[in-house]
Amino acid sequence: MEPYSTKQGVKIIELFYFCQRSLVTTQRKYRQYFNSRSAPTAFVIRSLVGRFEELGSVADETGRDVHRNIRTEDNVETVR
């Protein structure tokens, strides 16, 4: 699955609620709105809606758990 932009994710959520929670109708409206032959799968729609209902956002959570290395003089000396 290729990731959807925030704009696309927001539109998917809007369409889902506008279409009275119908996955198939949401997919059809998505194709019409973005003039696309493909549409998000039912799994993707459910995932986006779940994330939106739980977190209030459709943005990806990437970057939250990024661990950065800390270079201190002690660490550098230990490696040498």
Protein backbone atom coordinates (compact mmCIF):
# COMPACT_ATOMS: atom_id res chain seq x y z
CA MET A 1 0.00 0.00 0.00
CA GLU A 2 1.38 3.37 -0.90
CA PRO A 3 0.88 5.98 1.80
CA TYR A 4 -1.85 8.55 1.36
CA SER A 5 -1.16 12.23 1.87
CA THR A 6 -2.78 14.04 4.76
CA LYS A 7 -5.14 15.74 2.30
CA GLN A 8 -6.21 12.37 0.91
CA GLY A 9 -6.61 10.92 4.40
CA VAL A 10 -8.83 13.80 5.48
CA LYS A 11 -10.94 13.40 2.36
CA ILE A 12 -11.30 9.67 2.98
CA ILE A 13 -12.58 10.39 6.51
CA GLU A 14 -14.99 13.06 5.23
CA LEU A 15 -16.33 10.76 2.53
CA PHE A 16 -16.69 7.85 4.95
CA TYR A 17 -18.93 9.83 7.29
CA PHE A 18 -20.74 11.58 4.42
CA CYS A 19 -21.53 8.18 2.87
CA GLN A 20 -23.01 6.97 6.16
CA ARG A 21 -20.06 4.67 6.91
CA SER A 22 -20.34 2.73 3.64
CA LEU A 23 -16.94 1.45 2.56
CA VAL A 24 -17.94 0.79 -1.06
CA THR A 25 -19.61 4.18 -1.48
CA THR A 26 -16.57 5.84 0.10
CA GLN A 27 -14.34 4.13 -2.46
CA ARG A 28 -16.58 5.21 -5.34
CA LYS A 29 -16.70 8.83 -4.17
CA TYR A 30 -12.91 8.80 -3.65
CA ARG A 31 -12.40 7.68 -7.27
CA GLN A 32 -14.71 10.44 -8.49
CA TYR A 33 -13.18 13.17 -6.32
CA PHE A 34 -9.54 12.39 -7.15
CA ASN A 35 -10.31 11.21 -10.71
CA SER A 36 -8.45 8.00 -9.98
CA ARG A 37 -8.87 4.41 -11.12
CA SER A 38 -7.74 3.10 -7.75
CA ALA A 39 -9.21 3.69 -4.33
CA PRO A 40 -8.15 2.89 -0.78
CA THR A 41 -8.97 -0.64 0.34
CA ALA A 42 -11.54 -1.33 3.02
CA PHE A 43 -8.66 -2.12 5.39
CA VAL A 44 -7.03 1.26 4.74
CA ILE A 45 -10.31 3.11 5.24
CA ARG A 46 -10.99 1.27 8.51
CA SER A 47 -7.43 1.95 9.68
CA LEU A 48 -7.67 5.67 8.92
CA VAL A 49 -11.07 5.95 10.60
CA GLY A 50 -9.79 4.04 13.64
CA ARG A 51 -6.73 6.29 13.92
CA PHE A 52 -8.91 9.37 13.49
CA GLU A 53 -11.39 8.26 16.15
CA GLU A 54 -8.62 7.29 18.57
CA LEU A 55 -6.14 10.13 18.04
CA GLY A 56 -8.18 12.81 16.27
CA SER A 57 -5.65 12.89 13.45
CA VAL A 58 -4.97 11.11 10.17
CA ALA A 59 -1.31 12.13 10.03
CA ASP A 60 1.30 9.40 10.18
CA GLU A 61 2.98 8.81 13.49
CA THR A 62 6.42 8.43 11.97
CA GLY A 63 9.23 10.04 13.87
CA ARG A 64 7.81 9.60 17.34
CA ASP A 65 9.92 6.60 18.27
CA VAL A 66 13.11 7.71 16.60
CA HIS A 67 16.07 6.93 18.80
CA ARG A 68 19.01 9.21 18.28
CA ASN A 69 22.55 8.31 19.06
CA ILE A 70 24.26 10.50 21.57
CA ARG A 71 27.93 11.10 20.98
CA THR A 72 29.64 11.94 24.16
CA GLU A 73 33.37 11.92 24.65
CA ASP A 74 33.02 8.83 26.84
CA ASN A 75 31.15 6.95 24.13
CA VAL A 76 33.65 7.95 21.46
CA GLU A 77 36.55 6.82 23.65
CA THR A 78 34.82 3.53 24.39
CA VAL A 79 34.53 2.79 20.68
CA ARG A 80 38.17 3.66 20.00
